[in-house]
Amino acid sequence: MRQRIALGFVCATWLGLALPAAAQEAKPKAAAPAGKVAEREEVRSASRLLEAWIETQMAYRGLPGLTLAVVHDQELVWVKGFGLADLDKKTPASASTIYRIASISKLFTAVAVLQLRDQGKLKLDDPVEKYLPWFKVKTSHADAQPITVRQLLMHTSGLPREAAFPYWTDFKFPSRKEMIDALPAQEAVYPPDTQWKYSNLGLALAGEVVVAVSGQAFEDYVQKHIFDPLGMKSSSVSLPEAHKARLATGYGRRLPDGQREVRPFTDAQGIAPAAGLATTAEDLARFISLQFRDGSAGGSQILKGSTLREMHRVHWLLPDWKSGRGLGFHIIHRDDGDLVGHGGWVAGYQSSVYFRPKDKVAVIALYNADDGLPYPGATDSVVDRTFQWVGAAITKSAPAPESPKARPEWQQYVGKYRSPWADNQVLVMNGKLVLINPTEHDPTGTLATLVPTAEHQFRIEGGSVSGPHGELVTFEMKDGKVARLKIGVNYANPLK
């Protein structure tokens, strides 16, 4: 069936909702009233500009529906529906509309693997066959090492992109059994850890590792250990009957006559850990706020903060040096702040979720069309425009931090110090105690802030990248004066 598009409908909801954050909570808190970020006029003004642009872009491109959300740290600043979730029924897209999120599913699979790793139940550098004895693929590379769990998450396993079925053409995804039974006939394209090659098969197998190690069906594991503690009540691996009424109808790309075909509903089955999840923008906001939190695992803190940072780091740098892969996550280098996240496409749906750790801003875009193109870097990307306008407004309108005030007792440390390899000078600048090397042509490159930790003791922040940043500076005192300056494990003496 084909549909003609008639647009102009916008469902907009200002939220400023506080998302569940505390790691010690057994259950997420209920949404709080409007938050500070949502109330800022700069943010409201930027959003009006964005809305006007999106409405016009969707009308001229004949796009059916879009739900867009912006998150700042633990606050869902706003979420808006544009256009229609179903053209025949004239159902508006909204915050509660459910979309298939395709490859964003991989993030949840990666979280599941890292949860089990943190519990000591698996190791990322173990061979996959340790957990999946049936895992066998052909290879023509005589010196190929066994494929590891880490390589599945990073897409460096060398496996084919897909299981041995044309499901992106006929929309018939294999069952778990069919995928597993077909695996021995497939052949690795590259030796592991030699090339980056995106692989849905690899992430589907990572889901099988979760099943084998946890002893639970993948769907049950994700529900119990991710969706439930995060309060993601509209999310699922296999769409339940109760959610189907809110599922946006998926549409194909716009044809030359302006019409779109309705895409058939697809159940990803054995490929579900790579492409099968369905959710809402509101639920994804809860998952994204997790990425900004720290602390020990427990309750809604389903992974400890250090593990989340580990997942967000570049583990494989792509040849352009502008992007790379973490553990499940895609990282894009940008001068105004790197983006971390993932995009997805499955018949009738395109989706994108990216966050900027630098200022804790995230954008979620969910389309019910094959040609929404929300991905960062795409022409007229709605994600890029949202970061450019609303994200910038959030950052610029943030309250300025209080100016630091120098402590009077710091004057006893001010002066010059000499070691066999360098001179150092301690100054008070802009309310901070700082350390420089004044013999450099440009000493600002060595400027480090000294942060108090104890009496006469400070921790070094900044300075030379090859210097002792993060280590302690101690002013050893005698008769009320500095007798010696200890920097890390080395010393400098005061100059008279």
Protein backbone atom coordinates (compact mmCIF):
# COMPACT_ATOMS: atom_id res chain seq x y z
CA MET A 1 0.00 0.00 0.00
CA ARG A 2 1.22 3.49 -0.81
CA GLN A 3 0.51 6.71 1.01
CA ARG A 4 0.59 10.36 0.04
CA ILE A 5 1.96 12.68 2.71
CA ALA A 6 0.10 15.69 4.07
CA LEU A 7 1.97 17.39 6.89
CA GLY A 8 1.65 20.36 9.17
CA PHE A 9 0.72 18.67 12.47
CA VAL A 10 3.04 19.19 15.43
CA CYS A 11 2.61 17.71 18.89
CA ALA A 12 4.92 19.61 21.24
CA THR A 13 5.46 19.02 24.95
CA TRP A 14 7.71 21.12 27.19
CA LEU A 15 8.98 18.93 29.97
CA GLY A 16 12.04 19.74 32.01
CA LEU A 17 11.50 16.37 33.69
CA ALA A 18 14.07 15.07 36.15
CA LEU A 19 15.14 11.59 35.14
CA PRO A 20 16.00 8.83 37.67
CA ALA A 21 19.60 9.19 38.72
CA ALA A 22 20.55 7.97 42.18
CA ALA A 23 22.52 4.75 42.06
CA GLN A 24 21.32 3.73 45.50
CA GLU A 25 17.64 3.83 44.57
CA ALA A 26 15.99 0.49 43.98
CA LYS A 27 13.51 2.16 41.66
CA PRO A 28 13.68 5.39 39.59
CA LYS A 29 11.93 8.44 41.02
CA ALA A 30 8.77 9.79 39.47
CA ALA A 31 9.22 12.65 37.04
CA ALA A 32 9.76 16.00 38.75
CA PRO A 33 8.19 19.34 37.81
CA ALA A 34 9.68 21.61 35.16
CA GLY A 35 13.45 21.88 35.55
CA LYS A 36 15.72 24.89 35.35
CA VAL A 37 17.13 24.16 31.88
CA ALA A 38 13.70 23.91 30.27
CA GLU A 39 12.72 27.28 31.76
CA ARG A 40 15.60 29.25 30.24
CA GLU A 41 14.47 31.69 27.58
CA GLU A 42 17.56 31.02 25.46
CA VAL A 43 16.60 27.33 25.27
CA ARG A 44 12.97 28.09 24.50
CA SER A 45 13.97 30.53 21.75
CA ALA A 46 16.39 28.08 20.16
CA SER A 47 13.74 25.38 20.21
CA ARG A 48 11.27 27.64 18.40
CA LEU A 49 13.84 28.16 15.65
CA LEU A 50 14.40 24.41 15.46
CA GLU A 51 10.65 23.66 15.32
CA ALA A 52 10.11 26.10 12.48
CA TRP A 53 12.95 24.54 10.50
CA ILE A 54 11.81 20.95 11.14
CA GLU A 55 8.19 21.62 10.19
CA THR A 56 9.23 23.11 6.86
CA GLN A 57 11.83 20.44 6.13
CA MET A 58 9.34 17.66 6.83
CA ALA A 59 6.67 19.28 4.67
CA TYR A 60 8.95 19.73 1.65
CA ARG A 61 10.47 16.27 2.03
CA GLY A 62 7.10 14.66 2.65
CA LEU A 63 8.24 12.89 5.80
CA PRO A 64 5.52 11.18 7.85
CA GLY A 65 6.59 11.48 11.51
CA LEU A 66 9.38 12.34 13.90
CA THR A 67 9.82 12.41 17.65
CA LEU A 68 12.72 14.52 18.88
CA ALA A 69 14.05 14.86 22.42
CA VAL A 70 16.80 16.82 24.14
CA VAL A 71 18.40 15.69 27.39
CA HIS A 72 20.68 17.65 29.66
CA ASP A 73 22.35 15.50 32.31
CA GLN A 74 19.46 14.06 34.39
CA GLU A 75 16.77 16.27 32.84
CA LEU A 76 14.60 15.58 29.82
CA VAL A 77 14.46 19.19 28.68
CA TRP A 78 11.79 18.67 26.06
CA VAL A 79 10.35 16.07 23.73
CA LYS A 80 8.26 16.86 20.66
CA GLY A 81 6.31 14.95 18.08
CA PHE A 82 6.17 16.24 14.50
CA GLY A 83 3.85 14.93 11.81
CA LEU A 84 2.02 11.61 12.00
CA ALA A 85 2.77 8.21 13.45
CA ASP A 86 0.13 6.73 11.13
CA LEU A 87 -1.04 8.47 7.96
CA ASP A 88 -4.32 6.60 7.52
CA LYS A 89 -5.46 7.01 11.11
CA LYS A 90 -4.04 10.57 11.36
CA THR A 91 -2.34 9.56 14.62
CA PRO A 92 0.07 12.31 15.71
CA ALA A 93 3.65 11.46 16.56
CA SER A 94 4.26 12.16 20.24
CA ALA A 95 6.54 11.57 23.21
CA SER A 96 4.87 8.21 23.85
CA THR A 97 5.05 6.96 20.25
CA ILE A 98 7.02 3.71 20.00
CA TYR A 99 9.60 3.30 17.23
CA ARG A 100 11.83 0.43 16.17
CA ILE A 101 15.38 1.61 17.01
CA ALA A 102 17.30 -0.96 14.95
CA SER A 103 21.07 -0.78 15.59
CA ILE A 104 20.72 1.35 18.71
CA SER A 105 19.83 -2.06 20.15
CA LYS A 106 23.57 -2.79 20.09
CA LEU A 107 24.11 -0.35 22.98
CA PHE A 108 21.84 -2.40 25.21
CA THR A 109 23.61 -5.61 24.24
CA ALA A 110 26.95 -4.01 25.06
CA VAL A 111 25.62 -2.86 28.45
CA ALA A 112 24.45 -6.41 29.19
CA VAL A 113 27.90 -7.83 28.34
CA LEU A 114 29.66 -5.24 30.53
CA GLN A 115 27.29 -5.92 33.42
CA LEU A 116 28.27 -9.59 33.31
CA ARG A 117 31.95 -8.63 32.97
CA ASP A 118 31.75 -6.42 36.06
CA GLN A 119 30.16 -9.30 37.97
CA GLY A 120 33.14 -11.50 37.11
CA LYS A 121 31.08 -13.85 34.96
CA LEU A 122 33.02 -13.28 31.72
CA LYS A 123 36.15 -11.62 30.38
CA LEU A 124 36.14 -9.42 27.31
CA ASP A 125 39.37 -10.89 25.99
CA ASP A 126 38.21 -14.49 26.29
CA PRO A 127 37.55 -16.37 23.04
CA VAL A 128 33.86 -16.39 22.09
CA GLU A 129 33.92 -20.20 21.88
CA LYS A 130 34.64 -20.38 25.64
CA TYR A 131 31.04 -19.29 26.17
CA LEU A 132 29.56 -20.54 22.89
CA PRO A 133 31.10 -23.99 22.20
CA TRP A 134 29.10 -24.17 18.96
CA PHE A 135 30.75 -21.00 17.63
CA LYS A 136 32.64 -22.08 14.51
CA VAL A 137 33.24 -20.12 11.32
CA LYS A 138 35.48 -20.90 8.38
CA THR A 139 38.61 -18.87 7.78
CA SER A 140 41.24 -18.80 5.08
CA HIS A 141 43.66 -16.90 7.31
CA ALA A 142 46.14 -19.41 8.69
CA ASP A 143 47.45 -17.16 11.47
CA ALA A 144 44.06 -15.89 12.63
CA GLN A 145 43.66 -15.77 16.41
CA PRO A 146 40.38 -16.80 18.08
CA ILE A 147 37.67 -14.12 18.00
CA THR A 148 37.08 -12.51 21.40
CA VAL A 149 34.02 -11.03 23.08
CA ARG A 150 35.65 -7.58 22.96
CA GLN A 151 36.07 -7.83 19.19
CA LEU A 152 32.36 -8.58 18.78
CA LEU A 153 31.49 -5.32 20.58
CA MET A 154 34.07 -3.29 18.63
CA HIS A 155 33.25 -4.73 15.17
CA THR A 156 36.84 -5.94 14.79
CA SER A 157 36.04 -9.67 14.72
CA GLY A 158 36.40 -9.91 10.93
CA LEU A 159 33.01 -11.63 10.71
CA PRO A 160 30.63 -11.03 7.77
CA ARG A 161 28.26 -8.12 8.14
CA GLU A 162 25.20 -10.37 8.32
CA ALA A 163 24.05 -13.84 9.21
CA ALA A 164 23.57 -16.05 6.13
CA PHE A 165 20.11 -14.72 5.21
CA PRO A 166 18.91 -11.78 3.02
CA TYR A 167 16.72 -10.24 5.73
CA TRP A 168 17.35 -6.66 4.64
CA THR A 169 15.84 -7.59 1.28
CA ASP A 170 12.98 -9.96 2.11
CA PHE A 171 12.45 -8.77 5.72
CA LYS A 172 12.50 -12.38 6.94
CA PHE A 173 14.89 -12.56 9.87
CA PRO A 174 16.27 -15.94 10.95
CA SER A 175 15.41 -17.52 14.26
CA ARG A 176 18.21 -18.08 16.76
CA LYS A 177 18.40 -21.72 15.71
CA GLU A 178 18.57 -20.85 12.03
CA MET A 179 21.33 -18.31 12.63
CA ILE A 180 23.34 -20.75 14.73
CA ASP A 181 22.85 -23.67 12.33
CA ALA A 182 24.00 -21.56 9.36
CA LEU A 183 27.12 -20.23 11.10
CA PRO A 184 29.57 -23.07 10.21
CA ALA A 185 29.02 -22.39 6.51
CA GLN A 186 29.98 -18.71 6.88
CA GLU A 187 33.55 -17.50 6.48
CA ALA A 188 35.41 -14.72 8.27
CA VAL A 189 36.27 -11.87 5.91
CA TYR A 190 39.37 -10.69 7.81
CA PRO A 191 41.54 -12.01 10.62
CA PRO A 192 40.32 -10.54 13.93
CA ASP A 193 41.75 -7.21 15.09
CA THR A 194 43.10 -6.26 11.66
CA GLN A 195 40.21 -4.31 10.09
CA TRP A 196 37.14 -2.53 11.35
CA LYS A 197 34.08 -4.14 9.76
CA TYR A 198 30.55 -3.47 10.95
CA SER A 199 28.81 -6.73 11.77
CA ASN A 200 25.21 -7.32 12.82
CA LEU A 201 26.15 -10.98 13.06
CA GLY A 202 28.85 -10.09 15.59
CA LEU A 203 26.45 -8.24 17.89
CA ALA A 204 23.85 -10.98 17.55
CA LEU A 205 26.54 -13.36 18.80
CA ALA A 206 27.35 -10.99 21.65
CA GLY A 207 23.70 -11.37 22.63
CA GLU A 208 24.17 -15.13 22.58
CA VAL A 209 27.08 -14.71 25.01
CA VAL A 210 24.68 -12.89 27.35
CA VAL A 211 22.23 -15.78 27.07
CA ALA A 212 24.89 -18.42 27.73
CA VAL A 213 26.51 -16.65 30.68
CA SER A 214 23.34 -15.41 32.40
CA GLY A 215 21.22 -18.50 31.76
CA GLN A 216 18.34 -16.22 30.72
CA ALA A 217 16.67 -15.54 27.40
CA PHE A 218 18.06 -12.32 25.92
CA GLU A 219 14.67 -10.63 26.11
CA ASP A 220 14.26 -11.56 29.78
CA TYR A 221 17.76 -10.44 30.70
CA VAL A 222 17.38 -6.99 29.13
CA GLN A 223 13.95 -6.51 30.69
CA LYS A 224 15.08 -7.42 34.20
CA HIS A 225 18.55 -5.87 34.27
CA ILE A 226 18.18 -2.80 32.04
CA PHE A 227 14.60 -1.76 31.24
CA ASP A 228 13.07 -2.33 34.69
CA PRO A 229 15.70 -0.58 36.84
CA LEU A 230 15.83 2.38 34.44
CA GLY A 231 12.04 2.70 34.39
CA MET A 232 11.86 2.08 30.62
CA LYS A 233 8.24 0.88 30.68
CA SER A 234 7.58 1.36 26.96
CA SER A 235 10.64 -0.59 25.78
CA SER A 236 10.88 -4.18 24.61
CA VAL A 237 12.95 -6.68 22.66
CA SER A 238 9.93 -8.48 21.23
CA LEU A 239 7.08 -6.00 20.90
CA PRO A 240 4.26 -7.09 23.28
CA GLU A 241 0.63 -6.82 22.26
CA ALA A 242 0.07 -4.01 24.75
CA HIS A 243 2.63 -1.82 22.93
CA LYS A 244 1.47 -2.38 19.36
CA ALA A 245 -1.20 0.33 19.39
CA ARG A 246 1.52 2.94 20.07
CA LEU A 247 3.96 1.66 17.44
CA ALA A 248 4.47 4.15 14.63
CA THR A 249 3.71 2.73 11.20
CA GLY A 250 6.93 2.37 9.23
CA TYR A 251 7.09 3.87 5.72
CA GLY A 252 9.55 3.40 2.89
CA ARG A 253 11.45 6.14 1.12
CA ARG A 254 9.57 8.78 -0.84
CA LEU A 255 9.10 7.71 -4.45
CA PRO A 256 9.13 10.09 -7.46
CA ASP A 257 5.34 10.39 -7.40
CA GLY A 258 5.46 11.52 -3.75
CA GLN A 259 4.09 8.29 -2.38
CA ARG A 260 5.52 5.89 0.19
CA GLU A 261 4.94 2.21 0.69
CA VAL A 262 4.00 0.91 4.12
CA ARG A 263 6.83 -1.33 5.31
CA PRO A 264 5.89 -4.73 6.72
CA PHE A 265 6.43 -5.23 10.44
CA THR A 266 9.60 -7.25 11.03
CA ASP A 267 10.56 -9.37 14.01
CA ALA A 268 14.36 -9.44 14.21
CA GLN A 269 14.31 -12.82 16.02
CA GLY A 270 17.89 -14.16 16.12
CA ILE A 271 19.29 -10.75 15.13
CA ALA A 272 17.40 -8.96 17.94
CA PRO A 273 20.52 -8.13 20.02
CA ALA A 274 21.81 -6.20 17.00
CA ALA A 275 18.61 -4.66 15.64
CA GLY A 276 15.41 -5.72 17.40
CA LEU A 277 14.50 -3.30 20.18
CA ALA A 278 11.56 -0.89 20.21
CA THR A 279 11.14 2.09 22.52
CA THR A 280 10.11 5.73 22.92
CA ALA A 281 12.11 8.95 23.05
CA GLU A 282 11.18 9.32 26.73
CA ASP A 283 12.56 5.89 27.57
CA LEU A 284 15.75 6.50 25.59
CA ALA A 285 16.21 9.70 27.59
CA ARG A 286 16.38 7.58 30.74
CA PHE A 287 19.03 5.39 29.15
CA ILE A 288 21.02 8.43 28.04
CA SER A 289 20.93 10.10 31.45
CA LEU A 290 22.57 6.94 32.79
CA GLN A 291 25.57 7.70 30.57
CA PHE A 292 26.22 10.94 32.48
CA ARG A 293 26.18 9.38 35.95
CA ASP A 294 28.96 8.08 38.17
CA GLY A 295 29.08 5.87 41.21
CA SER A 296 28.81 2.21 42.10
CA ALA A 297 26.36 -0.10 40.39
CA GLY A 298 23.00 -0.58 42.08
CA GLY A 299 19.37 0.31 41.50
CA SER A 300 18.97 2.63 38.53
CA GLN A 301 22.77 2.85 38.27
CA ILE A 302 22.89 -0.36 36.24
CA LEU A 303 26.60 0.06 35.46
CA LYS A 304 29.24 1.77 37.55
CA GLY A 305 30.46 5.10 36.25
CA SER A 306 33.97 3.90 35.43
CA THR A 307 32.56 1.16 33.20
CA LEU A 308 30.39 3.67 31.33
CA ARG A 309 33.45 5.87 30.70
CA GLU A 310 35.30 2.76 29.50
CA MET A 311 32.53 2.07 26.98
CA HIS A 312 32.57 5.66 25.71
CA ARG A 313 36.33 5.76 25.05
CA VAL A 314 37.81 5.09 21.61
CA HIS A 315 39.07 1.50 21.50
CA TRP A 316 39.49 1.41 17.72
CA LEU A 317 40.40 4.57 15.78
CA LEU A 318 39.14 4.66 12.20
CA PRO A 319 41.53 5.69 9.39
CA ASP A 320 40.12 9.22 9.08
CA TRP A 321 41.13 9.94 12.70
CA LYS A 322 37.76 11.66 13.09
CA SER A 323 35.76 8.77 14.47
CA GLY A 324 36.19 5.48 16.27
CA ARG A 325 34.47 2.73 18.16
CA GLY A 326 34.13 2.18 21.87
CA LEU A 327 32.54 -0.86 23.47
CA GLY A 328 29.26 -0.81 21.56
CA PHE A 329 29.33 2.98 21.09
CA HIS A 330 30.27 5.07 18.06
CA ILE A 331 32.44 8.13 18.77
CA ILE A 332 32.64 11.15 16.44
CA HIS A 333 35.37 13.74 16.96
CA ARG A 334 34.10 17.31 16.81
CA ASP A 335 35.98 20.51 17.67
CA ASP A 336 33.08 21.69 19.83
CA GLY A 337 32.88 18.40 21.73
CA ASP A 338 32.97 14.75 20.74
CA LEU A 339 29.68 12.91 20.18
CA VAL A 340 29.05 9.40 21.52
CA GLY A 341 26.10 7.22 20.57
CA HIS A 342 24.66 5.18 17.70
CA GLY A 343 22.28 5.32 14.77
CA GLY A 344 19.90 2.73 13.38
CA TRP A 345 17.82 1.73 10.38
CA VAL A 346 15.32 -1.08 9.99
CA ALA A 347 12.52 -1.24 7.43
CA GLY A 348 10.37 1.88 7.89
CA TYR A 349 12.38 3.47 10.72
CA GLN A 350 15.52 5.54 11.13
CA SER A 351 16.85 6.55 14.52
CA SER A 352 19.76 8.32 16.14
CA VAL A 353 20.86 8.93 19.71
CA TYR A 354 24.05 10.88 20.43
CA PHE A 355 25.33 12.66 23.51
CA ARG A 356 28.13 15.13 24.12
CA PRO A 357 29.97 14.24 27.33
CA LYS A 358 31.65 17.65 27.43
CA ASP A 359 28.45 19.46 28.42
CA LYS A 360 26.11 16.51 29.10
CA VAL A 361 23.74 17.32 26.25
CA ALA A 362 22.05 14.59 24.21
CA VAL A 363 19.73 14.48 21.20
CA ILE A 364 17.33 11.66 20.34
CA ALA A 365 15.67 11.53 16.90
CA LEU A 366 13.19 8.83 15.84
CA TYR A 367 11.64 8.77 12.34
CA ASN A 368 9.06 6.38 10.91
CA ALA A 369 10.52 6.56 7.39
CA ASP A 370 13.47 5.09 5.51
CA ASP A 371 14.80 8.51 4.48
CA GLY A 372 14.72 10.56 7.66
CA LEU A 373 18.55 10.76 7.77
CA PRO A 374 18.92 11.87 11.39
CA TYR A 375 22.58 10.84 11.68
CA PRO A 376 25.30 13.37 12.58
CA GLY A 377 27.07 14.50 9.44
CA ALA A 378 24.14 13.73 7.12
CA THR A 379 22.82 16.58 4.96
CA ASP A 380 20.34 18.63 7.01
CA SER A 381 20.70 16.25 9.97
CA VAL A 382 18.13 17.08 12.62
CA VAL A 383 20.58 15.86 15.26
CA ASP A 384 23.27 18.28 14.10
CA ARG A 385 20.80 21.18 13.97
CA THR A 386 19.56 20.39 17.47
CA PHE A 387 23.07 20.34 18.90
CA GLN A 388 23.90 23.51 16.96
CA TRP A 389 20.94 25.52 18.19
CA VAL A 390 19.36 24.01 21.30
CA GLY A 391 22.50 22.33 22.59
CA ALA A 392 24.44 25.57 22.26
CA ALA A 393 21.66 27.49 24.04
CA ILE A 394 21.74 25.03 26.95
CA THR A 395 25.50 25.43 27.28
CA LYS A 396 25.55 29.22 26.89
CA SER A 397 22.70 29.81 29.31
CA ALA A 398 24.24 27.70 32.07
CA PRO A 399 24.99 29.78 35.16
CA ALA A 400 28.60 30.92 35.22
CA PRO A 401 30.64 29.25 37.95
CA GLU A 402 31.58 31.40 40.91
CA SER A 403 34.94 33.08 40.52
CA PRO A 404 37.49 31.37 42.77
CA LYS A 405 38.95 33.36 45.65
CA ALA A 406 42.58 33.07 46.64
CA ARG A 407 43.30 32.10 50.23
CA PRO A 408 45.55 34.52 52.17
CA GLU A 409 47.81 31.69 53.40
CA TRP A 410 48.80 30.85 49.80
CA GLN A 411 51.14 33.85 49.78
CA GLN A 412 53.67 31.84 51.82
CA TYR A 413 54.12 29.49 48.84
CA VAL A 414 54.57 32.18 46.17
CA GLY A 415 58.07 32.32 44.72
CA LYS A 416 60.68 30.67 42.51
CA TYR A 417 62.02 27.13 42.91
CA ARG A 418 64.87 25.40 41.10
CA SER A 419 65.62 21.73 40.37
CA PRO A 420 68.44 20.21 38.29
CA TRP A 421 66.20 20.14 35.19
CA ALA A 422 63.95 23.20 35.42
CA ASP A 423 62.86 26.32 37.22
CA ASN A 424 59.36 26.49 38.67
CA GLN A 425 57.41 29.45 39.89
CA VAL A 426 54.34 29.53 42.09
CA LEU A 427 51.89 32.40 41.49
CA VAL A 428 48.39 33.44 42.42
CA MET A 429 46.38 34.04 39.25
CA ASN A 430 42.64 34.68 38.93
CA GLY A 431 41.97 33.41 42.41
CA LYS A 432 43.94 30.19 41.92
CA LEU A 433 47.34 28.98 43.06
CA VAL A 434 49.29 27.98 39.92
CA LEU A 435 52.63 26.48 38.99
CA ILE A 436 54.56 27.40 35.82
CA ASN A 437 57.95 26.85 34.22
CA PRO A 438 59.06 30.46 33.49
CA THR A 439 62.07 29.34 31.42
CA GLU A 440 59.76 28.21 28.61
CA HIS A 441 59.22 30.57 25.65
CA ASP A 442 55.48 30.33 26.40
CA PRO A 443 54.97 29.30 30.03
CA THR A 444 51.18 29.14 29.63
CA GLY A 445 51.62 25.69 28.12
CA THR A 446 53.02 24.48 31.46
CA LEU A 447 50.53 26.32 33.68
CA ALA A 448 49.02 23.93 36.23
CA THR A 449 46.46 24.65 38.92
CA LEU A 450 47.27 23.53 42.47
CA VAL A 451 44.10 22.24 44.17
CA PRO A 452 44.26 21.99 47.98
CA THR A 453 44.02 18.48 49.46
CA ALA A 454 45.61 18.94 52.92
CA GLU A 455 47.72 21.45 54.85
CA HIS A 456 50.64 22.47 52.61
CA GLN A 457 49.58 19.83 50.06
CA PHE A 458 47.95 20.23 46.64
CA ARG A 459 46.98 18.14 43.63
CA ILE A 460 48.18 19.18 40.17
CA GLU A 461 45.49 19.84 37.56
CA GLY A 462 46.53 20.60 33.99
CA GLY A 463 50.00 21.62 32.93
CA SER A 464 52.20 19.75 30.47
CA VAL A 465 50.61 16.55 29.12
CA SER A 466 53.88 14.74 29.86
CA GLY A 467 54.21 16.29 33.30
CA PRO A 468 53.06 15.08 36.72
CA HIS A 469 49.41 16.14 36.38
CA GLY A 470 47.16 14.38 38.86
CA GLU A 471 50.03 13.95 41.33
CA LEU A 472 50.67 15.76 44.61
CA VAL A 473 52.67 18.91 45.31
CA THR A 474 53.87 19.33 48.90
CA PHE A 475 55.41 22.47 50.37
CA GLU A 476 57.75 21.18 53.09
CA MET A 477 57.83 23.87 55.76
CA LYS A 478 60.48 24.92 58.31
CA ASP A 479 60.18 27.86 60.64
CA GLY A 480 57.13 29.12 58.76
CA LYS A 481 58.86 29.14 55.37
CA VAL A 482 59.06 26.71 52.44
CA ALA A 483 62.20 24.60 52.88
CA ARG A 484 61.59 22.40 49.85
CA LEU A 485 58.99 21.92 47.13
CA LYS A 486 58.13 18.30 46.38
CA ILE A 487 56.53 17.74 42.95
CA GLY A 488 55.40 14.16 42.55
CA VAL A 489 58.46 12.25 43.83
CA ASN A 490 61.04 14.90 42.86
CA TYR A 491 62.20 18.08 44.54
CA ALA A 492 62.91 21.76 43.86
CA ASN A 493 64.55 24.19 46.25
CA PRO A 494 63.43 27.78 46.86
CA LEU A 495 65.51 30.54 45.32
CA LYS A 496 66.48 33.30 47.74
